[in-house]
């Protein structure tokens, strides 16, 4: 099964906040249990912004950095009971 991903390379903090929220909500509605957000390594600005958004998002069960690619965050969404 393919896991949907969002690539944030080249984005700024504000656009990152908007894209992550929309991505999470859209894929929750579609019934996905897991998604991937690619923020890269760089200075950590995007990674930190992604973590801030995910920590406040009520549709997120948990999230963690991919062990094999620390430029990627794996997100587990709560189960969509309306699906």
C-alpha atoms as a PDB file:
ATOM      1  CA  UNK A   1       0.000   0.000   0.000  1.00  0.00           C
ATOM      2  CA  UNK A   2       1.292   3.432  -0.934  1.00  0.00           C
ATOM      3  CA  UNK A   3       1.589   5.924   1.901  1.00  0.00           C
ATOM      4  CA  UNK A   4       0.663   9.484   0.863  1.00  0.00           C
ATOM      5  CA  UNK A   5       3.442  12.027   1.283  1.00  0.00           C
ATOM      6  CA  UNK A   6       3.796  15.796   1.358  1.00  0.00           C
ATOM      7  CA  UNK A   7       7.121  17.302   0.240  1.00  0.00           C
ATOM      8  CA  UNK A   8       7.816  20.676   1.858  1.00  0.00           C
ATOM      9  CA  UNK A   9      11.228  21.395   0.308  1.00  0.00           C
ATOM     10  CA  UNK A  10      11.470  25.092  -0.543  1.00  0.00           C
ATOM     11  CA  UNK A  11       8.463  26.142   1.557  1.00  0.00           C
ATOM     12  CA  UNK A  12       8.494  28.783   4.286  1.00  0.00           C
ATOM     13  CA  UNK A  13       7.019  28.412   7.778  1.00  0.00           C
ATOM     14  CA  UNK A  14       3.617  29.939   7.055  1.00  0.00           C
ATOM     15  CA  UNK A  15       3.026  27.909   3.888  1.00  0.00           C
ATOM     16  CA  UNK A  16       4.230  24.807   5.763  1.00  0.00           C
ATOM     17  CA  UNK A  17       1.613  25.348   8.498  1.00  0.00           C
ATOM     18  CA  UNK A  18      -1.173  25.671   5.946  1.00  0.00           C
ATOM     19  CA  UNK A  19      -0.082  22.717   3.795  1.00  0.00           C
ATOM     20  CA  UNK A  20       0.393  20.358   6.756  1.00  0.00           C
ATOM     21  CA  UNK A  21      -3.039  21.170   8.215  1.00  0.00           C
ATOM     22  CA  UNK A  22      -4.764  20.682   4.854  1.00  0.00           C
ATOM     23  CA  UNK A  23      -2.815  17.485   4.115  1.00  0.00           C
ATOM     24  CA  UNK A  24      -3.720  15.956   7.498  1.00  0.00           C
ATOM     25  CA  UNK A  25      -7.412  16.884   7.251  1.00  0.00           C
ATOM     26  CA  UNK A  26      -7.755  15.704   3.642  1.00  0.00           C
ATOM     27  CA  UNK A  27      -6.135  12.330   4.287  1.00  0.00           C
ATOM     28  CA  UNK A  28      -8.058  11.826   7.525  1.00  0.00           C
ATOM     29  CA  UNK A  29     -11.292  12.344   5.560  1.00  0.00           C
ATOM     30  CA  UNK A  30     -10.095   9.812   2.963  1.00  0.00           C
ATOM     31  CA  UNK A  31      -9.521   7.248   5.715  1.00  0.00           C
ATOM     32  CA  UNK A  32      -5.731   6.971   5.649  1.00  0.00           C
ATOM     33  CA  UNK A  33      -4.108   5.745   8.838  1.00  0.00           C
ATOM     34  CA  UNK A  34      -0.556   6.823   8.025  1.00  0.00           C
ATOM     35  CA  UNK A  35       1.000   9.671   6.042  1.00  0.00           C
ATOM     36  CA  UNK A  36       4.540  10.962   5.520  1.00  0.00           C
ATOM     37  CA  UNK A  37       5.743  14.552   5.638  1.00  0.00           C
ATOM     38  CA  UNK A  38       9.086  15.302   3.983  1.00  0.00           C
ATOM     39  CA  UNK A  39      10.671  18.403   5.512  1.00  0.00           C
ATOM     40  CA  UNK A  40      14.339  17.716   4.851  1.00  0.00           C
ATOM     41  CA  UNK A  41      17.199  18.142   7.293  1.00  0.00           C
ATOM     42  CA  UNK A  42      18.567  21.655   6.674  1.00  0.00           C
ATOM     43  CA  UNK A  43      18.516  23.998   9.661  1.00  0.00           C
ATOM     44  CA  UNK A  44      15.507  22.289  11.264  1.00  0.00           C
ATOM     45  CA  UNK A  45      13.085  25.191  10.732  1.00  0.00           C
ATOM     46  CA  UNK A  46      10.592  23.158   8.684  1.00  0.00           C
ATOM     47  CA  UNK A  47      10.957  20.090  10.909  1.00  0.00           C
ATOM     48  CA  UNK A  48      10.164  22.192  13.983  1.00  0.00           C
ATOM     49  CA  UNK A  49       7.220  23.879  12.264  1.00  0.00           C
ATOM     50  CA  UNK A  50       5.825  20.479  11.234  1.00  0.00           C
ATOM     51  CA  UNK A  51       6.187  19.196  14.818  1.00  0.00           C
ATOM     52  CA  UNK A  52       4.406  22.282  16.207  1.00  0.00           C
ATOM     53  CA  UNK A  53       1.464  21.828  13.845  1.00  0.00           C
ATOM     54  CA  UNK A  54       1.198  18.077  14.430  1.00  0.00           C
ATOM     55  CA  UNK A  55       1.343  18.463  18.219  1.00  0.00           C
ATOM     56  CA  UNK A  56      -1.759  20.706  18.101  1.00  0.00           C
ATOM     57  CA  UNK A  57      -3.677  18.736  15.470  1.00  0.00           C
ATOM     58  CA  UNK A  58      -6.537  16.745  17.034  1.00  0.00           C
ATOM     59  CA  UNK A  59      -6.674  14.291  14.104  1.00  0.00           C
ATOM     60  CA  UNK A  60      -3.116  13.075  14.781  1.00  0.00           C
ATOM     61  CA  UNK A  61      -2.640   9.992  16.951  1.00  0.00           C
ATOM     62  CA  UNK A  62       1.166  10.280  17.014  1.00  0.00           C
ATOM     63  CA  UNK A  63       4.190  11.195  14.918  1.00  0.00           C
ATOM     64  CA  UNK A  64       7.901  10.443  14.844  1.00  0.00           C
ATOM     65  CA  UNK A  65      11.014  10.995  12.759  1.00  0.00           C
ATOM     66  CA  UNK A  66      11.713   8.163  10.349  1.00  0.00           C
ATOM     67  CA  UNK A  67      14.638   6.219  11.801  1.00  0.00           C
ATOM     68  CA  UNK A  68      16.207   5.707   8.372  1.00  0.00           C
ATOM     69  CA  UNK A  69      15.537   9.243   7.040  1.00  0.00           C
ATOM     70  CA  UNK A  70      15.486  11.991   9.656  1.00  0.00           C
ATOM     71  CA  UNK A  71      14.314  14.437   6.986  1.00  0.00           C
ATOM     72  CA  UNK A  72      10.934  12.706   7.115  1.00  0.00           C
ATOM     73  CA  UNK A  73       8.199  12.579   9.759  1.00  0.00           C
ATOM     74  CA  UNK A  74       5.787   9.651   9.849  1.00  0.00           C
ATOM     75  CA  UNK A  75       2.291  10.548  11.070  1.00  0.00           C
ATOM     76  CA  UNK A  76      -0.343   8.147  12.387  1.00  0.00           C
ATOM     77  CA  UNK A  77      -3.849   9.564  12.073  1.00  0.00           C
ATOM     78  CA  UNK A  78      -6.716   8.782  14.408  1.00  0.00           C
ATOM     79  CA  UNK A  79      -9.252   6.334  13.073  1.00  0.00           C
ATOM     80  CA  UNK A  80     -11.988   8.017  11.066  1.00  0.00           C
ATOM     81  CA  UNK A  81     -15.184   6.640  12.584  1.00  0.00           C
ATOM     82  CA  UNK A  82     -17.334   8.437   9.975  1.00  0.00           C
ATOM     83  CA  UNK A  83     -15.765   6.526   7.100  1.00  0.00           C
END
